[in-house]
Structure formats: C-alpha cells, structure tokens
Full PDB file with SEQRES, HELIX, SHEET, SSBOND, CRYST1, ORIGX, SCALE, CONECT and MASTER records, all heavy atoms in Angstrom:
SEQRES   1 A   41  LEU VAL VAL ASP ALA ILE HIS HIS VAL TYR ILE ASP GLU          
SEQRES   2 A   41  PHE GLU LEU PHE GLY CYS THR ASP VAL SER GLY VAL ARG          
SEQRES   3 A   41  ALA PRO ILE GLY ASP ASP LYS PRO ILE PHE ASN GLU PHE          
SEQRES   4 A   41  PRO SER                                                      
CRYST1    1.000    1.000    1.000  90.00  90.00  90.00 P 1           1          
ORIGX1      1.000000  0.000000  0.000000        0.00000                         
ORIGX2      0.000000  1.000000  0.000000        0.00000                         
ORIGX3      0.000000  0.000000  1.000000        0.00000                         
SCALE1      1.000000  0.000000  0.000000        0.00000                         
SCALE2      0.000000  1.000000  0.000000        0.00000                         
SCALE3      0.000000  0.000000  1.000000        0.00000                         
ATOM      1  N   LEU A   1       1.789 -57.853  15.665  1.00  0.00           N  
ATOM      2  CA  LEU A   1       2.703 -58.696  16.350  1.00  0.00           C  
ATOM      3  C   LEU A   1       2.134 -60.128  16.323  1.00  0.00           C  
ATOM      4  O   LEU A   1       0.959 -60.272  16.782  1.00  0.00           O  
ATOM      5  CB  LEU A   1       2.996 -58.267  17.763  1.00  0.00           C  
ATOM      6  CG  LEU A   1       3.814 -59.204  18.637  1.00  0.00           C  
ATOM      7  CD1 LEU A   1       5.253 -59.382  18.085  1.00  0.00           C  
ATOM      8  CD2 LEU A   1       3.829 -58.750  20.082  1.00  0.00           C  
ATOM      9  N   VAL A   2       2.799 -61.064  15.710  1.00  0.00           N  
ATOM     10  CA  VAL A   2       2.320 -62.482  15.645  1.00  0.00           C  
ATOM     11  C   VAL A   2       3.257 -63.310  16.452  1.00  0.00           C  
ATOM     12  O   VAL A   2       4.447 -63.362  16.232  1.00  0.00           O  
ATOM     13  CB  VAL A   2       2.234 -62.892  14.148  1.00  0.00           C  
ATOM     14  CG1 VAL A   2       1.687 -64.332  14.031  1.00  0.00           C  
ATOM     15  CG2 VAL A   2       1.514 -61.965  13.294  1.00  0.00           C  
ATOM     16  N   VAL A   3       2.618 -64.082  17.390  1.00  0.00           N  
ATOM     17  CA  VAL A   3       3.350 -65.071  18.178  1.00  0.00           C  
ATOM     18  C   VAL A   3       2.537 -66.289  18.384  1.00  0.00           C  
ATOM     19  O   VAL A   3       1.375 -66.261  18.200  1.00  0.00           O  
ATOM     20  CB  VAL A   3       3.691 -64.501  19.631  1.00  0.00           C  
ATOM     21  CG1 VAL A   3       4.667 -63.343  19.492  1.00  0.00           C  
ATOM     22  CG2 VAL A   3       2.432 -64.151  20.365  1.00  0.00           C  
ATOM     23  N   ASP A   4       3.274 -67.414  18.707  1.00  0.00           N  
ATOM     24  CA  ASP A   4       2.448 -68.608  19.045  1.00  0.00           C  
ATOM     25  C   ASP A   4       2.189 -68.651  20.524  1.00  0.00           C  
ATOM     26  O   ASP A   4       2.886 -67.973  21.204  1.00  0.00           O  
ATOM     27  CB  ASP A   4       3.166 -69.931  18.545  1.00  0.00           C  
ATOM     28  CG  ASP A   4       4.199 -70.362  19.449  1.00  0.00           C  
ATOM     29  OD1 ASP A   4       5.088 -69.528  19.858  1.00  0.00           O  
ATOM     30  OD2 ASP A   4       4.149 -71.518  19.896  1.00  0.00           O  
ATOM     31  N   ALA A   5       1.154 -69.405  20.881  1.00  0.00           N  
ATOM     32  CA  ALA A   5       0.781 -69.447  22.281  1.00  0.00           C  
ATOM     33  C   ALA A   5       0.391 -70.847  22.681  1.00  0.00           C  
ATOM     34  O   ALA A   5      -0.651 -71.104  23.270  1.00  0.00           O  
ATOM     35  CB  ALA A   5      -0.289 -68.449  22.659  1.00  0.00           C  
ATOM     36  N   ILE A   6       1.149 -71.876  22.259  1.00  0.00           N  
ATOM     37  CA  ILE A   6       0.839 -73.240  22.571  1.00  0.00           C  
ATOM     38  C   ILE A   6       0.918 -73.429  24.063  1.00  0.00           C  
ATOM     39  O   ILE A   6       0.016 -74.017  24.658  1.00  0.00           O  
ATOM     40  CB  ILE A   6       1.841 -74.222  21.899  1.00  0.00           C  
ATOM     41  CG1 ILE A   6       1.656 -74.125  20.381  1.00  0.00           C  
ATOM     42  CG2 ILE A   6       1.637 -75.591  22.361  1.00  0.00           C  
ATOM     43  CD1 ILE A   6       0.361 -74.637  19.906  1.00  0.00           C  
ATOM     44  N   HIS A   7       1.927 -72.897  24.602  1.00  0.00           N  
ATOM     45  CA  HIS A   7       2.141 -72.958  26.130  1.00  0.00           C  
ATOM     46  C   HIS A   7       1.696 -71.612  26.680  1.00  0.00           C  
ATOM     47  O   HIS A   7       1.264 -70.722  25.952  1.00  0.00           O  
ATOM     48  CB  HIS A   7       3.580 -73.285  26.465  1.00  0.00           C  
ATOM     49  CG  HIS A   7       4.002 -74.618  25.825  1.00  0.00           C  
ATOM     50  ND1 HIS A   7       3.621 -75.820  26.337  1.00  0.00           N  
ATOM     51  CD2 HIS A   7       4.797 -74.873  24.777  1.00  0.00           C  
ATOM     52  CE1 HIS A   7       4.152 -76.761  25.637  1.00  0.00           C  
ATOM     53  NE2 HIS A   7       4.861 -76.240  24.683  1.00  0.00           N  
ATOM     54  N   HIS A   8       1.999 -71.338  27.895  1.00  0.00           N  
ATOM     55  CA  HIS A   8       1.809 -69.999  28.536  1.00  0.00           C  
ATOM     56  C   HIS A   8       2.879 -69.136  28.058  1.00  0.00           C  
ATOM     57  O   HIS A   8       4.116 -69.415  28.046  1.00  0.00           O  
ATOM     58  CB  HIS A   8       1.923 -70.107  30.021  1.00  0.00           C  
ATOM     59  CG  HIS A   8       0.846 -70.935  30.662  1.00  0.00           C  
ATOM     60  ND1 HIS A   8      -0.375 -70.399  30.956  1.00  0.00           N  
ATOM     61  CD2 HIS A   8       0.877 -72.241  31.102  1.00  0.00           C  
ATOM     62  CE1 HIS A   8      -1.125 -71.448  31.509  1.00  0.00           C  
ATOM     63  NE2 HIS A   8      -0.409 -72.523  31.617  1.00  0.00           N  
ATOM     64  N   VAL A   9       2.425 -67.922  27.495  1.00  0.00           N  
ATOM     65  CA  VAL A   9       3.370 -66.850  27.039  1.00  0.00           C  
ATOM     66  C   VAL A   9       3.117 -65.574  27.872  1.00  0.00           C  
ATOM     67  O   VAL A   9       1.987 -65.187  27.883  1.00  0.00           O  
ATOM     68  CB  VAL A   9       3.210 -66.598  25.563  1.00  0.00           C  
ATOM     69  CG1 VAL A   9       4.105 -65.453  25.163  1.00  0.00           C  
ATOM     70  CG2 VAL A   9       3.565 -67.858  24.752  1.00  0.00           C  
ATOM     71  N   TYR A  10       4.130 -65.100  28.442  1.00  0.00           N  
ATOM     72  CA  TYR A  10       3.948 -63.903  29.265  1.00  0.00           C  
ATOM     73  C   TYR A  10       4.850 -62.848  28.660  1.00  0.00           C  
ATOM     74  O   TYR A  10       6.053 -62.989  28.508  1.00  0.00           O  
ATOM     75  CB  TYR A  10       4.364 -64.103  30.754  1.00  0.00           C  
ATOM     76  CG  TYR A  10       3.301 -64.877  31.540  1.00  0.00           C  
ATOM     77  CD1 TYR A  10       3.251 -66.260  31.555  1.00  0.00           C  
ATOM     78  CD2 TYR A  10       2.385 -64.091  32.245  1.00  0.00           C  
ATOM     79  CE1 TYR A  10       2.248 -66.841  32.297  1.00  0.00           C  
ATOM     80  CE2 TYR A  10       1.398 -64.776  32.994  1.00  0.00           C  
ATOM     81  CZ  TYR A  10       1.403 -66.141  33.020  1.00  0.00           C  
ATOM     82  OH  TYR A  10       0.360 -66.799  33.691  1.00  0.00           O  
ATOM     83  N   ILE A  11       4.246 -61.707  28.319  1.00  0.00           N  
ATOM     84  CA  ILE A  11       4.925 -60.543  27.678  1.00  0.00           C  
ATOM     85  C   ILE A  11       4.773 -59.347  28.654  1.00  0.00           C  
ATOM     86  O   ILE A  11       3.639 -59.018  28.987  1.00  0.00           O  
ATOM     87  CB  ILE A  11       4.428 -60.239  26.303  1.00  0.00           C  
ATOM     88  CG1 ILE A  11       4.452 -61.518  25.358  1.00  0.00           C  
ATOM     89  CG2 ILE A  11       5.123 -59.017  25.684  1.00  0.00           C  
ATOM     90  CD1 ILE A  11       3.736 -61.352  24.053  1.00  0.00           C  
ATOM     91  N   ASP A  12       5.854 -58.652  28.884  1.00  0.00           N  
ATOM     92  CA  ASP A  12       5.639 -57.456  29.725  1.00  0.00           C  
ATOM     93  C   ASP A  12       5.747 -56.131  28.955  1.00  0.00           C  
ATOM     94  O   ASP A  12       5.247 -55.122  29.444  1.00  0.00           O  
ATOM     95  CB  ASP A  12       6.562 -57.459  30.974  1.00  0.00           C  
ATOM     96  CG  ASP A  12       8.007 -57.136  30.620  1.00  0.00           C  
ATOM     97  OD1 ASP A  12       8.453 -57.352  29.490  1.00  0.00           O  
ATOM     98  OD2 ASP A  12       8.786 -56.817  31.587  1.00  0.00           O  
ATOM     99  N   GLU A  13       6.319 -56.162  27.743  1.00  0.00           N  
ATOM    100  CA  GLU A  13       6.439 -54.918  26.983  1.00  0.00           C  
ATOM    101  C   GLU A  13       6.721 -55.244  25.516  1.00  0.00           C  
ATOM    102  O   GLU A  13       7.431 -56.217  25.209  1.00  0.00           O  
ATOM    103  CB  GLU A  13       7.429 -54.043  27.558  1.00  0.00           C  
ATOM    104  CG  GLU A  13       7.299 -52.600  27.310  1.00  0.00           C  
ATOM    105  CD  GLU A  13       6.035 -51.923  27.834  1.00  0.00           C  
ATOM    106  OE1 GLU A  13       5.497 -52.461  28.836  1.00  0.00           O  
ATOM    107  OE2 GLU A  13       5.557 -50.991  27.241  1.00  0.00           O  
ATOM    108  N   PHE A  14       6.131 -54.384  24.686  1.00  0.00           N  
ATOM    109  CA  PHE A  14       6.430 -54.487  23.240  1.00  0.00           C  
ATOM    110  C   PHE A  14       6.725 -52.972  22.804  1.00  0.00           C  
ATOM    111  O   PHE A  14       5.937 -52.094  23.082  1.00  0.00           O  
ATOM    112  CB  PHE A  14       5.189 -54.914  22.532  1.00  0.00           C  
ATOM    113  CG  PHE A  14       5.321 -54.800  20.971  1.00  0.00           C  
ATOM    114  CD1 PHE A  14       6.215 -55.540  20.311  1.00  0.00           C  
ATOM    115  CD2 PHE A  14       4.514 -53.893  20.305  1.00  0.00           C  
ATOM    116  CE1 PHE A  14       6.306 -55.493  18.901  1.00  0.00           C  
ATOM    117  CE2 PHE A  14       4.646 -53.822  18.930  1.00  0.00           C  
ATOM    118  CZ  PHE A  14       5.601 -54.578  18.192  1.00  0.00           C  
ATOM    119  N   GLU A  15       7.914 -52.741  22.299  1.00  0.00           N  
ATOM    120  CA  GLU A  15       8.328 -51.442  21.875  1.00  0.00           C  
ATOM    121  C   GLU A  15       8.573 -51.493  20.346  1.00  0.00           C  
ATOM    122  O   GLU A  15       9.110 -52.459  19.861  1.00  0.00           O  
ATOM    123  CB  GLU A  15       9.622 -51.064  22.565  1.00  0.00           C  
ATOM    124  CG  GLU A  15       9.565 -50.820  24.012  1.00  0.00           C  
ATOM    125  CD  GLU A  15      10.903 -50.412  24.575  1.00  0.00           C  
ATOM    126  OE1 GLU A  15      11.437 -49.390  24.125  1.00  0.00           O  
ATOM    127  OE2 GLU A  15      11.408 -51.053  25.469  1.00  0.00           O  
ATOM    128  N   LEU A  16       8.207 -50.466  19.733  1.00  0.00           N  
ATOM    129  CA  LEU A  16       8.316 -50.325  18.287  1.00  0.00           C  
ATOM    130  C   LEU A  16       9.262 -49.087  18.053  1.00  0.00           C  
ATOM    131  O   LEU A  16       9.074 -47.994  18.683  1.00  0.00           O  
ATOM    132  CB  LEU A  16       6.960 -50.047  17.703  1.00  0.00           C  
ATOM    133  CG  LEU A  16       6.834 -50.186  16.161  1.00  0.00           C  
ATOM    134  CD1 LEU A  16       7.237 -51.538  15.713  1.00  0.00           C  
ATOM    135  CD2 LEU A  16       5.426 -49.859  15.727  1.00  0.00           C  
ATOM    136  N   PHE A  17      10.136 -49.243  17.185  1.00  0.00           N  
ATOM    137  CA  PHE A  17      11.185 -48.091  16.929  1.00  0.00           C  
ATOM    138  C   PHE A  17      10.999 -47.482  15.480  1.00  0.00           C  
ATOM    139  O   PHE A  17      10.569 -48.217  14.613  1.00  0.00           O  
ATOM    140  CB  PHE A  17      12.609 -48.652  17.071  1.00  0.00           C  
ATOM    141  CG  PHE A  17      12.873 -49.326  18.345  1.00  0.00           C  
ATOM    142  CD1 PHE A  17      13.230 -50.563  18.451  1.00  0.00           C  
ATOM    143  CD2 PHE A  17      12.685 -48.580  19.575  1.00  0.00           C  
ATOM    144  CE1 PHE A  17      13.456 -51.185  19.702  1.00  0.00           C  
ATOM    145  CE2 PHE A  17      12.913 -49.190  20.770  1.00  0.00           C  
ATOM    146  CZ  PHE A  17      13.343 -50.519  20.817  1.00  0.00           C  
ATOM    147  N   GLY A  18      11.208 -46.251  15.454  1.00  0.00           N  
ATOM    148  CA  GLY A  18      11.121 -45.529  14.153  1.00  0.00           C  
ATOM    149  C   GLY A  18      10.994 -44.068  14.349  1.00  0.00           C  
ATOM    150  O   GLY A  18      11.506 -43.522  15.351  1.00  0.00           O  
ATOM    151  N   CYS A  19      10.365 -43.370  13.388  1.00  0.00           N  
ATOM    152  CA  CYS A  19      10.266 -41.881  13.465  1.00  0.00           C  
ATOM    153  C   CYS A  19       8.989 -41.451  12.799  1.00  0.00           C  
ATOM    154  O   CYS A  19       8.396 -42.219  12.134  1.00  0.00           O  
ATOM    155  CB  CYS A  19      11.470 -41.231  12.905  1.00  0.00           C  
ATOM    156  SG  CYS A  19      11.726 -41.532  11.146  1.00  0.00           S  
ATOM    157  N   THR A  20       8.659 -40.239  12.933  1.00  0.00           N  
ATOM    158  CA  THR A  20       7.434 -39.697  12.328  1.00  0.00           C  
ATOM    159  C   THR A  20       7.576 -39.188  10.963  1.00  0.00           C  
ATOM    160  O   THR A  20       6.701 -38.870  10.263  1.00  0.00           O  
ATOM    161  CB  THR A  20       6.781 -38.585  13.239  1.00  0.00           C  
ATOM    162  OG1 THR A  20       7.817 -37.540  13.437  1.00  0.00           O  
ATOM    163  CG2 THR A  20       6.379 -39.127  14.541  1.00  0.00           C  
ATOM    164  N   ASP A  21       8.859 -39.014  10.553  1.00  0.00           N  
ATOM    165  CA  ASP A  21       9.117 -38.477   9.190  1.00  0.00           C  
ATOM    166  C   ASP A  21       9.123 -39.636   8.237  1.00  0.00           C  
ATOM    167  O   ASP A  21       9.977 -40.538   8.285  1.00  0.00           O  
ATOM    168  CB  ASP A  21      10.558 -37.786   9.124  1.00  0.00           C  
ATOM    169  CG  ASP A  21      10.894 -37.272   7.804  1.00  0.00           C  
ATOM    170  OD1 ASP A  21      10.022 -37.233   6.850  1.00  0.00           O  
ATOM    171  OD2 ASP A  21      12.055 -36.821   7.637  1.00  0.00           O  
ATOM    172  N   VAL A  22       8.121 -39.689   7.382  1.00  0.00           N  
ATOM    173  CA  VAL A  22       7.951 -40.785   6.416  1.00  0.00           C  
ATOM    174  C   VAL A  22       8.408 -40.441   4.995  1.00  0.00           C  
ATOM    175  O   VAL A  22       8.279 -41.198   4.066  1.00  0.00           O  
ATOM    176  CB  VAL A  22       6.465 -41.303   6.377  1.00  0.00           C  
ATOM    177  CG1 VAL A  22       6.028 -41.788   7.727  1.00  0.00           C  
ATOM    178  CG2 VAL A  22       5.544 -40.166   5.954  1.00  0.00           C  
ATOM    179  N   SER A  23       9.018 -39.243   4.815  1.00  0.00           N  
ATOM    180  CA  SER A  23       9.465 -38.862   3.461  1.00  0.00           C  
ATOM    181  C   SER A  23      10.543 -39.728   2.986  1.00  0.00           C  
ATOM    182  O   SER A  23      11.495 -40.075   3.686  1.00  0.00           O  
ATOM    183  CB  SER A  23       9.912 -37.389   3.450  1.00  0.00           C  
ATOM    184  OG  SER A  23      10.918 -37.258   4.390  1.00  0.00           O  
ATOM    185  N   GLY A  24      10.331 -40.248   1.759  1.00  0.00           N  
ATOM    186  CA  GLY A  24      11.254 -41.195   1.121  1.00  0.00           C  
ATOM    187  C   GLY A  24      11.155 -42.606   1.646  1.00  0.00           C  
ATOM    188  O   GLY A  24      11.987 -43.431   1.185  1.00  0.00           O  
ATOM    189  N   VAL A  25      10.269 -42.934   2.512  1.00  0.00           N  
ATOM    190  CA  VAL A  25      10.123 -44.276   3.023  1.00  0.00           C  
ATOM    191  C   VAL A  25       9.117 -45.039   2.237  1.00  0.00           C  
ATOM    192  O   VAL A  25       8.015 -44.496   1.911  1.00  0.00           O  
ATOM    193  CB  VAL A  25       9.766 -44.224   4.563  1.00  0.00           C  
ATOM    194  CG1 VAL A  25       9.594 -45.628   5.031  1.00  0.00           C  
ATOM    195  CG2 VAL A  25      10.855 -43.516   5.344  1.00  0.00           C  
ATOM    196  N   ARG A  26       9.406 -46.285   1.883  1.00  0.00           N  
ATOM    197  CA  ARG A  26       8.464 -47.088   1.055  1.00  0.00           C  
ATOM    198  C   ARG A  26       7.261 -47.545   1.852  1.00  0.00           C  
ATOM    199  O   ARG A  26       7.323 -47.757   3.089  1.00  0.00           O  
ATOM    200  CB  ARG A  26       9.165 -48.237   0.464  1.00  0.00           C  
ATOM    201  CG  ARG A  26       9.571 -49.261   1.444  1.00  0.00           C  
ATOM    202  CD  ARG A  26      10.200 -50.558   0.716  1.00  0.00           C  
ATOM    203  NE  ARG A  26      10.421 -51.554   1.653  1.00  0.00           N  
ATOM    204  CZ  ARG A  26       9.562 -52.435   2.113  1.00  0.00           C  
ATOM    205  NH1 ARG A  26       8.258 -52.433   1.631  1.00  0.00           N  
ATOM    206  NH2 ARG A  26       9.908 -53.409   2.920  1.00  0.00           N  
ATOM    207  N   ALA A  27       6.242 -47.726   1.142  1.00  0.00           N  
ATOM    208  CA  ALA A  27       4.977 -48.311   1.765  1.00  0.00           C  
ATOM    209  C   ALA A  27       5.125 -49.862   1.704  1.00  0.00           C  
ATOM    210  O   ALA A  27       5.834 -50.435   0.849  1.00  0.00           O  
ATOM    211  CB  ALA A  27       3.725 -47.913   0.962  1.00  0.00           C  
ATOM    212  N   PRO A  28       4.420 -50.536   2.683  1.00  0.00           N  
ATOM    213  CA  PRO A  28       4.512 -51.986   2.634  1.00  0.00           C  
ATOM    214  C   PRO A  28       3.865 -52.617   1.335  1.00  0.00           C  
ATOM    215  O   PRO A  28       2.918 -51.933   0.800  1.00  0.00           O  
ATOM    216  CB  PRO A  28       3.631 -52.349   3.853  1.00  0.00           C  
ATOM    217  CG  PRO A  28       3.531 -51.144   4.700  1.00  0.00           C  
ATOM    218  CD  PRO A  28       3.648 -50.008   3.770  1.00  0.00           C  
ATOM    219  N   ILE A  29       4.409 -53.715   0.921  1.00  0.00           N  
ATOM    220  CA  ILE A  29       3.828 -54.398  -0.267  1.00  0.00           C  
ATOM    221  C   ILE A  29       3.245 -55.664   0.285  1.00  0.00           C  
ATOM    222  O   ILE A  29       3.673 -56.270   1.246  1.00  0.00           O  
ATOM    223  CB  ILE A  29       4.932 -54.649  -1.265  1.00  0.00           C  
ATOM    224  CG1 ILE A  29       6.105 -55.471  -0.664  1.00  0.00           C  
ATOM    225  CG2 ILE A  29       5.415 -53.458  -1.954  1.00  0.00           C  
ATOM    226  CD1 ILE A  29       7.073 -55.996  -1.649  1.00  0.00           C  
ATOM    227  N   GLY A  30       2.119 -56.029  -0.235  1.00  0.00           N  
ATOM    228  CA  GLY A  30       1.449 -57.218   0.235  1.00  0.00           C  
ATOM    229  C   GLY A  30       2.301 -58.445  -0.022  1.00  0.00           C  
ATOM    230  O   GLY A  30       3.047 -58.538  -0.970  1.00  0.00           O  
ATOM    231  N   ASP A  31       2.201 -59.429   0.874  1.00  0.00           N  
ATOM    232  CA  ASP A  31       2.882 -60.624   0.690  1.00  0.00           C  
ATOM    233  C   ASP A  31       1.948 -61.815   0.923  1.00  0.00           C  
ATOM    234  O   ASP A  31       0.902 -61.679   1.540  1.00  0.00           O  
ATOM    235  CB  ASP A  31       4.143 -60.793   1.526  1.00  0.00           C  
ATOM    236  CG  ASP A  31       3.944 -60.735   3.040  1.00  0.00           C  
ATOM    237  OD1 ASP A  31       2.961 -61.254   3.511  1.00  0.00           O  
ATOM    238  OD2 ASP A  31       4.812 -60.198   3.742  1.00  0.00           O  
ATOM    239  N   ASP A  32       2.316 -62.996   0.440  1.00  0.00           N  
ATOM    240  CA  ASP A  32       1.377 -64.142   0.604  1.00  0.00           C  
ATOM    241  C   ASP A  32       1.903 -65.065   1.685  1.00  0.00           C  
ATOM    242  O   ASP A  32       1.554 -66.249   1.737  1.00  0.00           O  
ATOM    243  CB  ASP A  32       1.205 -64.904  -0.711  1.00  0.00           C  
ATOM    244  CG  ASP A  32       2.532 -65.395  -1.279  1.00  0.00           C  
ATOM    245  OD1 ASP A  32       3.597 -65.034  -0.728  1.00  0.00           O  
ATOM    246  OD2 ASP A  32       2.496 -66.039  -2.321  1.00  0.00           O  
ATOM    247  N   LYS A  33       2.810 -64.568   2.596  1.00  0.00           N  
ATOM    248  CA  LYS A  33       3.239 -65.438   3.656  1.00  0.00           C  
ATOM    249  C   LYS A  33       2.120 -65.756   4.573  1.00  0.00           C  
ATOM    250  O   LYS A  33       1.326 -64.870   4.916  1.00  0.00           O  
ATOM    251  CB  LYS A  33       4.378 -64.776   4.421  1.00  0.00           C  
ATOM    252  CG  LYS A  33       5.594 -64.557   3.599  1.00  0.00           C  
ATOM    253  CD  LYS A  33       6.741 -63.946   4.506  1.00  0.00           C  
ATOM    254  CE  LYS A  33       8.027 -63.873   3.656  1.00  0.00           C  
ATOM    255  NZ  LYS A  33       9.147 -63.300   4.418  1.00  0.00           N  
ATOM    256  N   PRO A  34       1.990 -66.960   5.101  1.00  0.00           N  
ATOM    257  CA  PRO A  34       0.940 -67.302   6.051  1.00  0.00           C  
ATOM    258  C   PRO A  34       1.271 -66.574   7.334  1.00  0.00           C  
ATOM    259  O   PRO A  34       2.352 -66.278   7.737  1.00  0.00           O  
ATOM    260  CB  PRO A  34       1.033 -68.810   6.256  1.00  0.00           C  
ATOM    261  CG  PRO A  34       2.387 -69.152   5.817  1.00  0.00           C  
ATOM    262  CD  PRO A  34       2.842 -68.168   4.760  1.00  0.00           C  
ATOM    263  N   ILE A  35       0.106 -66.120   7.906  1.00  0.00           N  
ATOM    264  CA  ILE A  35       0.236 -65.406   9.253  1.00  0.00           C  
ATOM    265  C   ILE A  35       0.799 -66.337  10.327  1.00  0.00           C  
ATOM    266  O   ILE A  35       1.761 -65.966  10.996  1.00  0.00           O  
ATOM    267  CB  ILE A  35      -1.075 -64.743   9.711  1.00  0.00           C  
ATOM    268  CG1 ILE A  35      -1.470 -63.687   8.683  1.00  0.00           C  
ATOM    269  CG2 ILE A  35      -0.912 -64.142  11.101  1.00  0.00           C  
ATOM    270  CD1 ILE A  35      -2.801 -63.020   8.973  1.00  0.00           C  
ATOM    271  N   PHE A  36       0.205 -67.490  10.508  1.00  0.00           N  
ATOM    272  CA  PHE A  36       0.634 -68.451  11.507  1.00  0.00           C  
ATOM    273  C   PHE A  36       1.512 -69.468  10.969  1.00  0.00           C  
ATOM    274  O   PHE A  36       1.343 -69.981   9.780  1.00  0.00           O  
ATOM    275  CB  PHE A  36      -0.644 -69.093  12.120  1.00  0.00           C  
ATOM    276  CG  PHE A  36      -1.483 -68.118  12.868  1.00  0.00           C  
ATOM    277  CD1 PHE A  36      -2.724 -67.789  12.330  1.00  0.00           C  
ATOM    278  CD2 PHE A  36      -1.134 -67.563  14.048  1.00  0.00           C  
ATOM    279  CE1 PHE A  36      -3.572 -66.886  13.027  1.00  0.00           C  
ATOM    280  CE2 PHE A  36      -1.970 -66.632  14.753  1.00  0.00           C  
ATOM    281  CZ  PHE A  36      -3.134 -66.344  14.203  1.00  0.00           C  
ATOM    282  N   ASN A  37       2.486 -69.916  11.767  1.00  0.00           N  
ATOM    283  CA  ASN A  37       3.333 -71.047  11.396  1.00  0.00           C  
ATOM    284  C   ASN A  37       2.637 -72.387  11.797  1.00  0.00           C  
ATOM    285  O   ASN A  37       1.871 -72.370  12.781  1.00  0.00           O  
ATOM    286  CB  ASN A  37       4.676 -71.008  12.156  1.00  0.00           C  
ATOM    287  CG  ASN A  37       5.574 -69.971  11.625  1.00  0.00           C  
ATOM    288  OD1 ASN A  37       5.178 -69.099  10.812  1.00  0.00           O  
ATOM    289  ND2 ASN A  37       6.824 -70.015  12.008  1.00  0.00           N  
ATOM    290  N   GLU A  38       2.766 -73.408  11.000  1.00  0.00           N  
ATOM    291  CA  GLU A  38       2.270 -74.708  11.329  1.00  0.00           C  
ATOM    292  C   GLU A  38       3.399 -75.615  11.759  1.00  0.00           C  
ATOM    293  O   GLU A  38       4.461 -75.630  11.148  1.00  0.00           O  
ATOM    294  CB  GLU A  38       1.533 -75.284  10.139  1.00  0.00           C  
ATOM    295  CG  GLU A  38       0.343 -74.499   9.649  1.00  0.00           C  
ATOM    296  CD  GLU A  38      -0.748 -74.539  10.714  1.00  0.00           C  
ATOM    297  OE1 GLU A  38      -0.911 -75.417  11.438  1.00  0.00           O  
ATOM    298  OE2 GLU A  38      -1.495 -73.492  10.694  1.00  0.00           O  
ATOM    299  N   PHE A  39       3.197 -76.296  12.911  1.00  0.00           N  
ATOM    300  CA  PHE A  39       4.188 -77.227  13.411  1.00  0.00           C  
ATOM    301  C   PHE A  39       3.666 -78.616  13.284  1.00  0.00           C  
ATOM    302  O   PHE A  39       2.458 -78.832  13.426  1.00  0.00           O  
ATOM    303  CB  PHE A  39       4.545 -76.904  14.845  1.00  0.00           C  
ATOM    304  CG  PHE A  39       5.293 -75.584  15.015  1.00  0.00           C  
ATOM    305  CD1 PHE A  39       4.686 -74.435  15.342  1.00  0.00           C  
ATOM    306  CD2 PHE A  39       6.694 -75.548  14.844  1.00  0.00           C  
ATOM    307  CE1 PHE A  39       5.321 -73.239  15.483  1.00  0.00           C  
ATOM    308  CE2 PHE A  39       7.373 -74.428  14.960  1.00  0.00           C  
ATOM    309  CZ  PHE A  39       6.680 -73.209  15.317  1.00  0.00           C  
ATOM    310  N   PRO A  40       4.536 -79.592  13.036  1.00  0.00           N  
ATOM    311  CA  PRO A  40       4.022 -80.963  12.977  1.00  0.00           C  
ATOM    312  C   PRO A  40       3.479 -81.391  14.326  1.00  0.00           C  
ATOM    313  O   PRO A  40       3.925 -80.956  15.360  1.00  0.00           O  
ATOM    314  CB  PRO A  40       5.291 -81.811  12.563  1.00  0.00           C  
ATOM    315  CG  PRO A  40       6.407 -80.881  12.898  1.00  0.00           C  
ATOM    316  CD  PRO A  40       5.927 -79.496  12.802  1.00  0.00           C  
ATOM    317  N   SER A  41       2.518 -82.311  14.303  1.00  0.00           N  
ATOM    318  CA  SER A  41       1.939 -82.807  15.565  1.00  0.00           C  
ATOM    319  C   SER A  41       3.089 -83.680  16.226  1.00  0.00           C  
ATOM    320  O   SER A  41       3.865 -84.344  15.561  1.00  0.00           O  
ATOM    321  CB  SER A  41       0.733 -83.702  15.306  1.00  0.00           C  
ATOM    322  OG  SER A  41      -0.298 -82.994  14.697  1.00  0.00           O  
TER     323      SER A  41                                                      
MASTER        0    0    0    0    0    0    0    6  322    1    0    4          
END                                                                             
C-alpha cells in the first residue's frame, strides 16, 4: 500500500479482497512505474 504523508494521515483499517483459489489467475508482471509520486514545490 503506497500513500503520501506530507500532512498527517490517519488510517483505521486496510482491507484486501480476493480468494485463496489461484487457479487460472495471472501472476503480476513487473512494471517501471515509480513507487512515489512527485509533486511540484
């Protein structure tokens, strides 16, 4: 989970949805997207 924290960030819960059956489900492919976003000053 990637978030910015320039100011105060309060999170009370993170839920992930899915199932345990992985048959027929694709594996992740690598990407070259930057992890963090850059904002102008």
